[in-house]
Structure formats: structure tokens, C-alpha cells
PDB file of N, CA and C in Angstrom:
ATOM      1  N   MET A   1     -32.234 103.382 -18.566  1.00  0.00           N
ATOM      2  CA  MET A   1     -31.772 103.116 -16.853  1.00  0.00           C
ATOM      3  C   MET A   1     -32.140 102.339 -15.981  1.00  0.00           C
ATOM      4  N   GLY A   2     -33.217 102.854 -15.681  1.00  0.00           N
ATOM      5  CA  GLY A   2     -34.134 101.984 -14.885  1.00  0.00           C
ATOM      6  C   GLY A   2     -34.585 100.767 -14.740  1.00  0.00           C
ATOM      7  N   PHE A   3     -34.771 100.831 -16.036  1.00  0.00           N
ATOM      8  CA  PHE A   3     -35.130  98.798 -16.617  1.00  0.00           C
ATOM      9  C   PHE A   3     -33.959  98.306 -16.167  1.00  0.00           C
ATOM     10  N   GLN A   4     -33.040  98.020 -16.510  1.00  0.00           N
ATOM     11  CA  GLN A   4     -31.695  97.417 -16.399  1.00  0.00           C
ATOM     12  C   GLN A   4     -31.459  97.099 -14.943  1.00  0.00           C
ATOM     13  N   HIS A   5     -31.801  98.767 -13.713  1.00  0.00           N
ATOM     14  CA  HIS A   5     -31.676  98.421 -12.940  1.00  0.00           C
ATOM     15  C   HIS A   5     -32.834  97.219 -12.214  1.00  0.00           C
ATOM     16  N   ASP A   6     -34.140  97.345 -12.528  1.00  0.00           N
ATOM     17  CA  ASP A   6     -35.082  96.995 -12.064  1.00  0.00           C
ATOM     18  C   ASP A   6     -34.592  95.065 -13.045  1.00  0.00           C
ATOM     19  N   THR A   7     -33.700  95.202 -13.686  1.00  0.00           N
ATOM     20  CA  THR A   7     -34.275  93.688 -14.149  1.00  0.00           C
ATOM     21  C   THR A   7     -32.660  92.846 -13.257  1.00  0.00           C
ATOM     22  N   GLU A   8     -32.216  93.927 -13.324  1.00  0.00           N
ATOM     23  CA  GLU A   8     -30.578  93.258 -12.029  1.00  0.00           C
ATOM     24  C   GLU A   8     -31.128  92.842 -11.209  1.00  0.00           C
ATOM     25  N   GLU A   9     -32.743  93.184 -10.016  1.00  0.00           N
ATOM     26  CA  GLU A   9     -32.586  93.263  -8.763  1.00  0.00           C
ATOM     27  C   GLU A   9     -33.741  91.761  -8.925  1.00  0.00           C
ATOM     28  N   TRP A  10     -34.649  91.741 -10.015  1.00  0.00           N
ATOM     29  CA  TRP A  10     -35.266  90.581 -10.748  1.00  0.00           C
ATOM     30  C   TRP A  10     -34.583  89.601 -10.014  1.00  0.00           C
ATOM     31  N   PHE A  11     -33.894  89.625 -11.070  1.00  0.00           N
ATOM     32  CA  PHE A  11     -32.320  88.260 -11.708  1.00  0.00           C
ATOM     33  C   PHE A  11     -32.095  88.011  -9.922  1.00  0.00           C
ATOM     34  N   LYS A  12     -31.325  88.935  -9.121  1.00  0.00           N
ATOM     35  CA  LYS A  12     -31.113  88.651  -7.805  1.00  0.00           C
ATOM     36  C   LYS A  12     -32.207  88.001  -7.010  1.00  0.00           C
ATOM     37  N   LEU A  13     -33.355  88.268  -7.317  1.00  0.00           N
ATOM     38  CA  LEU A  13     -34.211  87.987  -5.851  1.00  0.00           C
ATOM     39  C   LEU A  13     -34.731  86.404  -6.558  1.00  0.00           C
ATOM     40  N   PHE A  14     -34.709  86.539  -8.181  1.00  0.00           N
ATOM     41  CA  PHE A  14     -34.848  85.239  -8.351  1.00  0.00           C
ATOM     42  C   PHE A  14     -34.310  84.008  -8.288  1.00  0.00           C
ATOM     43  N   PHE A  15     -32.725  84.139  -8.145  1.00  0.00           N
ATOM     44  CA  PHE A  15     -31.597  83.608  -8.030  1.00  0.00           C
ATOM     45  C   PHE A  15     -31.425  83.080  -6.354  1.00  0.00           C
ATOM     46  N   SER A  16     -31.912  83.939  -5.488  1.00  0.00           N
ATOM     47  CA  SER A  16     -31.887  83.765  -4.353  1.00  0.00           C
ATOM     48  C   SER A  16     -32.436  82.712  -3.589  1.00  0.00           C
ATOM     49  N   TYR A  17     -33.273  81.644  -4.633  1.00  0.00           N
ATOM     50  CA  TYR A  17     -33.758  80.530  -4.056  1.00  0.00           C
ATOM     51  C   TYR A  17     -32.917  79.730  -4.301  1.00  0.00           C
ATOM     52  N   THR A  18     -33.111  78.840  -4.136  1.00  0.00           N
ATOM     53  CA  THR A  18     -31.858  77.767  -3.694  1.00  0.00           C
ATOM     54  C   THR A  18     -32.440  76.655  -4.773  1.00  0.00           C
ATOM     55  N   ALA A  19     -33.572  76.796  -5.148  1.00  0.00           N
ATOM     56  CA  ALA A  19     -34.221  75.994  -6.586  1.00  0.00           C
ATOM     57  C   ALA A  19     -33.621  75.961  -7.622  1.00  0.00           C
ATOM     58  N   HIS A  20     -33.507  74.405  -8.223  1.00  0.00           N
ATOM     59  CA  HIS A  20     -32.608  74.721 -10.360  1.00  0.00           C
ATOM     60  C   HIS A  20     -33.705  75.059 -10.535  1.00  0.00           C
ATOM     61  N   LEU A  21     -33.581  75.938 -11.906  1.00  0.00           N
ATOM     62  CA  LEU A  21     -34.447  76.596 -13.203  1.00  0.00           C
ATOM     63  C   LEU A  21     -34.725  75.153 -13.774  1.00  0.00           C
ATOM     64  N   ALA A  22     -36.085  75.177 -14.774  1.00  0.00           N
ATOM     65  CA  ALA A  22     -36.895  74.211 -15.193  1.00  0.00           C
ATOM     66  C   ALA A  22     -37.691  75.037 -15.779  1.00  0.00           C
ATOM     67  N   ILE A  23     -37.540  75.269 -16.841  1.00  0.00           N
ATOM     68  CA  ILE A  23     -38.550  76.196 -17.771  1.00  0.00           C
ATOM     69  C   ILE A  23     -39.192  74.896 -18.490  1.00  0.00           C
ATOM     70  N   LEU A  24     -40.474  74.981 -18.631  1.00  0.00           N
ATOM     71  CA  LEU A  24     -41.040  73.843 -19.546  1.00  0.00           C
ATOM     72  C   LEU A  24     -41.815  74.500 -20.997  1.00  0.00           C
ATOM     73  N   HIS A  25     -41.643  74.082 -21.640  1.00  0.00           N
ATOM     74  CA  HIS A  25     -42.376  74.380 -23.479  1.00  0.00           C
ATOM     75  C   HIS A  25     -41.706  75.666 -23.122  1.00  0.00           C
ATOM     76  N   GLU A  26     -40.987  76.383 -22.927  1.00  0.00           N
ATOM     77  CA  GLU A  26     -40.574  77.897 -23.286  1.00  0.00           C
ATOM     78  C   GLU A  26     -39.362  77.707 -24.424  1.00  0.00           C
ATOM     79  N   LYS A  27     -38.957  78.633 -24.701  1.00  0.00           N
ATOM     80  CA  LYS A  27     -37.720  78.754 -25.468  1.00  0.00           C
ATOM     81  C   LYS A  27     -36.047  78.724 -25.079  1.00  0.00           C
ATOM     82  N   GLU A  28     -35.322  77.886 -25.414  1.00  0.00           N
ATOM     83  CA  GLU A  28     -34.368  77.502 -25.253  1.00  0.00           C
ATOM     84  C   GLU A  28     -33.753  79.031 -24.744  1.00  0.00           C
ATOM     85  N   LEU A  29     -33.779  79.512 -25.160  1.00  0.00           N
ATOM     86  CA  LEU A  29     -32.560  80.784 -25.054  1.00  0.00           C
ATOM     87  C   LEU A  29     -33.142  81.803 -24.118  1.00  0.00           C
ATOM     88  N   ILE A  30     -34.214  81.372 -23.616  1.00  0.00           N
ATOM     89  CA  ILE A  30     -35.050  82.208 -22.705  1.00  0.00           C
ATOM     90  C   ILE A  30     -34.459  81.562 -21.319  1.00  0.00           C
ATOM     91  N   ALA A  31     -34.013  80.133 -21.257  1.00  0.00           N
ATOM     92  CA  ALA A  31     -33.567  79.329 -20.365  1.00  0.00           C
ATOM     93  C   ALA A  31     -31.792  79.340 -20.145  1.00  0.00           C
ATOM     94  N   ARG A  32     -31.307  79.311 -21.165  1.00  0.00           N
ATOM     95  CA  ARG A  32     -29.858  79.650 -21.654  1.00  0.00           C
ATOM     96  C   ARG A  32     -28.991  80.649 -20.739  1.00  0.00           C
ATOM     97  N   THR A  33     -30.665  81.983 -20.873  1.00  0.00           N
ATOM     98  CA  THR A  33     -29.933  83.502 -20.724  1.00  0.00           C
ATOM     99  C   THR A  33     -30.117  83.519 -19.182  1.00  0.00           C
ATOM    100  N   LEU A  34     -31.128  83.126 -18.907  1.00  0.00           N
ATOM    101  CA  LEU A  34     -31.113  82.690 -16.830  1.00  0.00           C
ATOM    102  C   LEU A  34     -30.295  82.061 -16.784  1.00  0.00           C
ATOM    103  N   HIS A  35     -29.507  80.898 -17.222  1.00  0.00           N
ATOM    104  CA  HIS A  35     -28.536  80.081 -16.348  1.00  0.00           C
ATOM    105  C   HIS A  35     -27.286  80.675 -16.543  1.00  0.00           C
ATOM    106  N   GLN A  36     -26.990  81.581 -18.068  1.00  0.00           N
ATOM    107  CA  GLN A  36     -25.832  82.257 -17.884  1.00  0.00           C
ATOM    108  C   GLN A  36     -25.751  83.350 -16.552  1.00  0.00           C
ATOM    109  N   VAL A  37     -26.881  84.058 -16.361  1.00  0.00           N
ATOM    110  CA  VAL A  37     -26.712  84.833 -15.602  1.00  0.00           C
ATOM    111  C   VAL A  37     -27.246  84.584 -14.165  1.00  0.00           C
ATOM    112  N   GLY A  38     -27.352  82.806 -13.713  1.00  0.00           N
ATOM    113  CA  GLY A  38     -27.945  82.832 -12.270  1.00  0.00           C
ATOM    114  C   GLY A  38     -26.422  82.866 -11.814  1.00  0.00           C
ATOM    115  N   PRO A  39     -26.457  81.839 -10.600  1.00  0.00           N
ATOM    116  CA  PRO A  39     -25.143  81.161  -9.702  1.00  0.00           C
ATOM    117  C   PRO A  39     -24.840  80.388  -9.822  1.00  0.00           C
ATOM    118  N   GLY A  40     -25.241  79.087 -10.786  1.00  0.00           N
ATOM    119  CA  GLY A  40     -25.039  77.938 -11.975  1.00  0.00           C
ATOM    120  C   GLY A  40     -24.401  78.503 -13.227  1.00  0.00           C
ATOM    121  N   GLN A  41     -24.000  79.663 -13.391  1.00  0.00           N
ATOM    122  CA  GLN A  41     -23.338  79.816 -14.421  1.00  0.00           C
ATOM    123  C   GLN A  41     -22.255  79.221 -14.764  1.00  0.00           C
ATOM    124  N   MET A  42     -21.013  78.540 -13.910  1.00  0.00           N
ATOM    125  CA  MET A  42     -20.317  77.778 -13.977  1.00  0.00           C
ATOM    126  C   MET A  42     -20.692  76.501 -14.629  1.00  0.00           C
ATOM    127  N   GLN A  43     -21.975  75.928 -14.087  1.00  0.00           N
ATOM    128  CA  GLN A  43     -22.408  73.979 -14.164  1.00  0.00           C
ATOM    129  C   GLN A  43     -22.542  73.795 -15.573  1.00  0.00           C
ATOM    130  N   THR A  44     -23.206  73.091 -15.628  1.00  0.00           N
ATOM    131  CA  THR A  44     -23.315  72.405 -16.478  1.00  0.00           C
ATOM    132  C   THR A  44     -25.084  72.609 -17.702  1.00  0.00           C
ATOM    133  N   PHE A  45     -25.099  73.469 -18.319  1.00  0.00           N
ATOM    134  CA  PHE A  45     -26.802  73.230 -19.054  1.00  0.00           C
ATOM    135  C   PHE A  45     -27.219  72.228 -20.279  1.00  0.00           C
ATOM    136  N   VAL A  46     -27.698  71.720 -20.184  1.00  0.00           N
ATOM    137  CA  VAL A  46     -28.729  70.394 -20.874  1.00  0.00           C
ATOM    138  C   VAL A  46     -29.740  71.140 -20.976  1.00  0.00           C
ATOM    139  N   PRO A  47     -29.923  71.486 -22.111  1.00  0.00           N
ATOM    140  CA  PRO A  47     -31.420  71.265 -22.628  1.00  0.00           C
ATOM    141  C   PRO A  47     -31.627  70.287 -23.775  1.00  0.00           C
ATOM    142  N   VAL A  48     -32.886  69.496 -23.200  1.00  0.00           N
ATOM    143  CA  VAL A  48     -33.707  68.607 -23.837  1.00  0.00           C
ATOM    144  C   VAL A  48     -34.954  68.678 -25.132  1.00  0.00           C
ATOM    145  N   ASN A  49     -34.647  68.152 -26.274  1.00  0.00           N
ATOM    146  CA  ASN A  49     -35.882  68.368 -26.870  1.00  0.00           C
ATOM    147  C   ASN A  49     -36.668  66.523 -26.474  1.00  0.00           C
ATOM    148  N   CYS A  50     -37.620  67.141 -25.663  1.00  0.00           N
ATOM    149  CA  CYS A  50     -38.493  65.831 -25.471  1.00  0.00           C
ATOM    150  C   CYS A  50     -38.419  65.431 -26.885  1.00  0.00           C
ATOM    151  N   ALA A  51     -39.156  65.894 -27.622  1.00  0.00           N
ATOM    152  CA  ALA A  51     -40.180  65.457 -28.996  1.00  0.00           C
ATOM    153  C   ALA A  51     -38.857  64.350 -29.751  1.00  0.00           C
ATOM    154  N   SER A  52     -37.488  64.868 -29.634  1.00  0.00           N
ATOM    155  CA  SER A  52     -36.633  63.837 -30.085  1.00  0.00           C
ATOM    156  C   SER A  52     -35.963  62.854 -29.011  1.00  0.00           C
ATOM    157  N   ILE A  53     -36.715  61.801 -28.132  1.00  0.00           N
ATOM    158  CA  ILE A  53     -36.604  61.212 -27.681  1.00  0.00           C
ATOM    159  C   ILE A  53     -37.968  60.365 -27.401  1.00  0.00           C
ATOM    160  N   PRO A  54     -37.502  58.743 -28.517  1.00  0.00           N
ATOM    161  CA  PRO A  54     -38.779  58.411 -28.464  1.00  0.00           C
ATOM    162  C   PRO A  54     -39.524  57.596 -26.890  1.00  0.00           C
ATOM    163  N   GLU A  55     -41.028  57.643 -26.740  1.00  0.00           N
ATOM    164  CA  GLU A  55     -40.883  57.476 -25.338  1.00  0.00           C
ATOM    165  C   GLU A  55     -40.251  55.926 -25.045  1.00  0.00           C
ATOM    166  N   PRO A  56     -40.456  54.662 -25.748  1.00  0.00           N
ATOM    167  CA  PRO A  56     -39.623  53.714 -24.753  1.00  0.00           C
ATOM    168  C   PRO A  56     -38.103  54.013 -24.117  1.00  0.00           C
ATOM    169  N   LEU A  57     -37.772  55.071 -24.912  1.00  0.00           N
ATOM    170  CA  LEU A  57     -35.971  55.302 -24.408  1.00  0.00           C
ATOM    171  C   LEU A  57     -35.985  56.650 -23.501  1.00  0.00           C
ATOM    172  N   PHE A  58     -36.854  57.735 -23.343  1.00  0.00           N
ATOM    173  CA  PHE A  58     -37.087  58.694 -22.361  1.00  0.00           C
ATOM    174  C   PHE A  58     -36.556  58.202 -20.969  1.00  0.00           C
ATOM    175  N   LYS A  59     -36.977  56.783 -20.068  1.00  0.00           N
ATOM    176  CA  LYS A  59     -36.075  56.525 -19.338  1.00  0.00           C
ATOM    177  C   LYS A  59     -34.670  56.645 -18.768  1.00  0.00           C
ATOM    178  N   ARG A  60     -34.603  55.756 -20.047  1.00  0.00           N
ATOM    179  CA  ARG A  60     -32.901  55.239 -19.982  1.00  0.00           C
ATOM    180  C   ARG A  60     -32.070  56.298 -20.462  1.00  0.00           C
ATOM    181  N   GLU A  61     -32.670  57.051 -21.290  1.00  0.00           N
ATOM    182  CA  GLU A  61     -31.885  58.680 -21.603  1.00  0.00           C
ATOM    183  C   GLU A  61     -31.500  59.686 -20.312  1.00  0.00           C
ATOM    184  N   SER A  62     -33.058  59.526 -20.032  1.00  0.00           N
ATOM    185  CA  SER A  62     -32.967  60.974 -18.442  1.00  0.00           C
ATOM    186  C   SER A  62     -32.013  59.884 -17.336  1.00  0.00           C
ATOM    187  N   PHE A  63     -32.517  58.602 -17.183  1.00  0.00           N
ATOM    188  CA  PHE A  63     -31.672  57.869 -15.895  1.00  0.00           C
ATOM    189  C   PHE A  63     -30.242  57.408 -16.547  1.00  0.00           C
ATOM    190  N   GLY A  64     -29.723  57.068 -17.815  1.00  0.00           N
ATOM    191  CA  GLY A  64     -28.296  56.442 -18.273  1.00  0.00           C
ATOM    192  C   GLY A  64     -28.679  54.610 -18.430  1.00  0.00           C
ATOM    193  N   HIS A  65     -27.281  54.303 -18.374  1.00  0.00           N
ATOM    194  CA  HIS A  65     -27.665  52.917 -18.451  1.00  0.00           C
ATOM    195  C   HIS A  65     -25.896  52.226 -17.638  1.00  0.00           C
ATOM    196  N   ARG A  66     -26.625  50.972 -17.486  1.00  0.00           N
ATOM    197  CA  ARG A  66     -24.653  50.303 -17.157  1.00  0.00           C
ATOM    198  C   ARG A  66     -24.729  49.942 -18.179  1.00  0.00           C
ATOM    199  N   LYS A  67     -23.434  49.090 -17.926  1.00  0.00           N
ATOM    200  CA  LYS A  67     -22.870  48.170 -18.909  1.00  0.00           C
ATOM    201  C   LYS A  67     -23.217  46.947 -18.689  1.00  0.00           C
ATOM    202  N   GLY A  68     -23.913  46.121 -19.979  1.00  0.00           N
ATOM    203  CA  GLY A  68     -24.918  44.512 -19.901  1.00  0.00           C
ATOM    204  C   GLY A  68     -26.349  44.848 -19.459  1.00  0.00           C
ATOM    205  N   ALA A  69     -26.569  46.186 -19.199  1.00  0.00           N
ATOM    206  CA  ALA A  69     -27.986  46.174 -19.027  1.00  0.00           C
ATOM    207  C   ALA A  69     -29.063  45.927 -19.895  1.00  0.00           C
ATOM    208  N   PHE A  70     -28.536  45.442 -20.714  1.00  0.00           N
ATOM    209  CA  PHE A  70     -29.311  45.029 -22.289  1.00  0.00           C
ATOM    210  C   PHE A  70     -28.375  44.842 -23.226  1.00  0.00           C
ATOM    211  N   THR A  71     -28.918  44.170 -23.645  1.00  0.00           N
ATOM    212  CA  THR A  71     -27.871  43.508 -25.304  1.00  0.00           C
ATOM    213  C   THR A  71     -27.060  44.333 -25.702  1.00  0.00           C
ATOM    214  N   ALA A  72     -27.642  45.585 -26.200  1.00  0.00           N
ATOM    215  CA  ALA A  72     -26.440  46.437 -26.570  1.00  0.00           C
ATOM    216  C   ALA A  72     -25.415  47.549 -25.777  1.00  0.00           C
ATOM    217  N   ALA A  73     -25.693  47.493 -24.542  1.00  0.00           N
ATOM    218  CA  ALA A  73     -25.167  47.946 -23.861  1.00  0.00           C
ATOM    219  C   ALA A  73     -23.761  47.726 -23.355  1.00  0.00           C
ATOM    220  N   ASP A  74     -22.865  47.931 -24.618  1.00  0.00           N
ATOM    221  CA  ASP A  74     -21.554  47.368 -24.462  1.00  0.00           C
ATOM    222  C   ASP A  74     -20.447  48.681 -23.728  1.00  0.00           C
ATOM    223  N   GLN A  75     -21.302  49.857 -23.027  1.00  0.00           N
ATOM    224  CA  GLN A  75     -20.522  50.432 -21.980  1.00  0.00           C
ATOM    225  C   GLN A  75     -21.281  51.770 -20.988  1.00  0.00           C
ATOM    226  N   ASP A  76     -20.668  51.967 -20.193  1.00  0.00           N
ATOM    227  CA  ASP A  76     -22.009  52.829 -18.662  1.00  0.00           C
ATOM    228  C   ASP A  76     -22.126  53.861 -19.979  1.00  0.00           C
ATOM    229  N   LYS A  77     -23.347  54.490 -19.825  1.00  0.00           N
ATOM    230  CA  LYS A  77     -23.685  55.830 -20.085  1.00  0.00           C
ATOM    231  C   LYS A  77     -24.568  56.726 -19.296  1.00  0.00           C
ATOM    232  N   PRO A  78     -24.142  57.468 -18.906  1.00  0.00           N
ATOM    233  CA  PRO A  78     -24.519  58.523 -17.695  1.00  0.00           C
ATOM    234  C   PRO A  78     -26.235  59.436 -18.780  1.00  0.00           C
ATOM    235  N   GLY A  79     -26.929  59.166 -17.500  1.00  0.00           N
ATOM    236  CA  GLY A  79     -28.105  60.035 -18.140  1.00  0.00           C
ATOM    237  C   GLY A  79     -27.881  61.332 -18.072  1.00  0.00           C
ATOM    238  N   LEU A  80     -29.237  62.081 -18.705  1.00  0.00           N
ATOM    239  CA  LEU A  80     -29.223  63.494 -18.823  1.00  0.00           C
ATOM    240  C   LEU A  80     -29.380  63.743 -17.163  1.00  0.00           C
ATOM    241  N   PHE A  81     -29.580  63.442 -16.173  1.00  0.00           N
ATOM    242  CA  PHE A  81     -29.552  63.826 -14.659  1.00  0.00           C
ATOM    243  C   PHE A  81     -27.875  64.144 -14.495  1.00  0.00           C
ATOM    244  N   ASP A  82     -27.305  63.421 -15.210  1.00  0.00           N
ATOM    245  CA  ASP A  82     -26.325  62.839 -14.369  1.00  0.00           C
ATOM    246  C   ASP A  82     -25.165  64.208 -15.416  1.00  0.00           C
ATOM    247  N   ARG A  83     -25.550  64.378 -16.723  1.00  0.00           N
ATOM    248  CA  ARG A  83     -25.014  64.821 -17.223  1.00  0.00           C
ATOM    249  C   ARG A  83     -25.497  66.369 -16.765  1.00  0.00           C
ATOM    250  N   ALA A  84     -26.347  66.891 -15.674  1.00  0.00           N
ATOM    251  CA  ALA A  84     -26.407  68.075 -15.432  1.00  0.00           C
ATOM    252  C   ALA A  84     -26.116  68.275 -13.923  1.00  0.00           C
ATOM    253  N   HIS A  85     -25.125  66.830 -13.525  1.00  0.00           N
ATOM    254  CA  HIS A  85     -25.102  67.097 -12.305  1.00  0.00           C
ATOM    255  C   HIS A  85     -24.917  68.787 -11.860  1.00  0.00           C
ATOM    256  N   HIS A  86     -25.446  69.619 -10.438  1.00  0.00           N
ATOM    257  CA  HIS A  86     -25.536  70.524 -10.225  1.00  0.00           C
ATOM    258  C   HIS A  86     -25.760  71.927 -11.162  1.00  0.00           C
ATOM    259  N   GLY A  87     -26.265  71.924 -12.356  1.00  0.00           N
ATOM    260  CA  GLY A  87     -26.441  72.432 -13.197  1.00  0.00           C
ATOM    261  C   GLY A  87     -27.644  72.782 -13.867  1.00  0.00           C
ATOM    262  N   ASP A  88     -28.073  72.643 -14.924  1.00  0.00           N
ATOM    263  CA  ASP A  88     -29.082  73.144 -15.147  1.00  0.00           C
ATOM    264  C   ASP A  88     -30.033  71.990 -16.208  1.00  0.00           C
ATOM    265  N   LEU A  89     -30.967  71.150 -15.932  1.00  0.00           N
ATOM    266  CA  LEU A  89     -31.966  70.375 -16.793  1.00  0.00           C
ATOM    267  C   LEU A  89     -33.049  71.395 -17.529  1.00  0.00           C
ATOM    268  N   VAL A  90     -33.146  71.536 -18.427  1.00  0.00           N
ATOM    269  CA  VAL A  90     -34.190  72.057 -19.185  1.00  0.00           C
ATOM    270  C   VAL A  90     -35.187  70.711 -20.171  1.00  0.00           C
ATOM    271  N   PHE A  91     -36.525  70.638 -19.741  1.00  0.00           N
ATOM    272  CA  PHE A  91     -36.921  70.043 -21.125  1.00  0.00           C
ATOM    273  C   PHE A  91     -37.635  70.714 -21.477  1.00  0.00           C
ATOM    274  N   GLY A  92     -37.593  70.681 -23.001  1.00  0.00           N
ATOM    275  CA  GLY A  92     -38.558  71.432 -23.696  1.00  0.00           C
ATOM    276  C   GLY A  92     -39.294  70.677 -25.218  1.00  0.00           C
TER     277      GLY A  92
END
């Protein structure tokens, strides 16, 4: 019973700050759990496996691109930061 109370107090303190959550090199499950109990739980949660994005494409994936920006860009594509708008973007 005491553990649950202490945990709830810790989360209240943790989320009293306005900074968005960013956990690097930690388990996605931890980040997702913190997102679900935090003030941004109704917002988007975007986990990113950095190893799955080739280095030359990382900037384009992060920030997106406009139609016509390069030969194969036949439509606008929002980046990871746009998709996580007001939510949590977690790089792992």
C-alpha cells in the first residue's frame, strides 16, 4: 500500500514539470508507461527505433519533406516531430 502511494507521488512530481518525455536507450515499455500516466496521455506517442533508419535518411524522417523536394517526393510527408505534435517522441 505504501509503495503505491510513493509511486503516485513520484509520478505527480515527475509530471509537474512541463518538459516532454524523452528517454534515450531505455525500454520502450517504460517510456510508454510514463506516457500513459502523464499529462500528455491523450496525445500521440511516437517510439522511434533509430537503428531502423539509415543515417542518410534520418534528417528527412525526423523533419519530413514537401512534395517536389526530391525526385521521388510525390506528396508531402510529415516528419516524426510533426507526428508527435504535443505528444511524446522517444528515440531508442
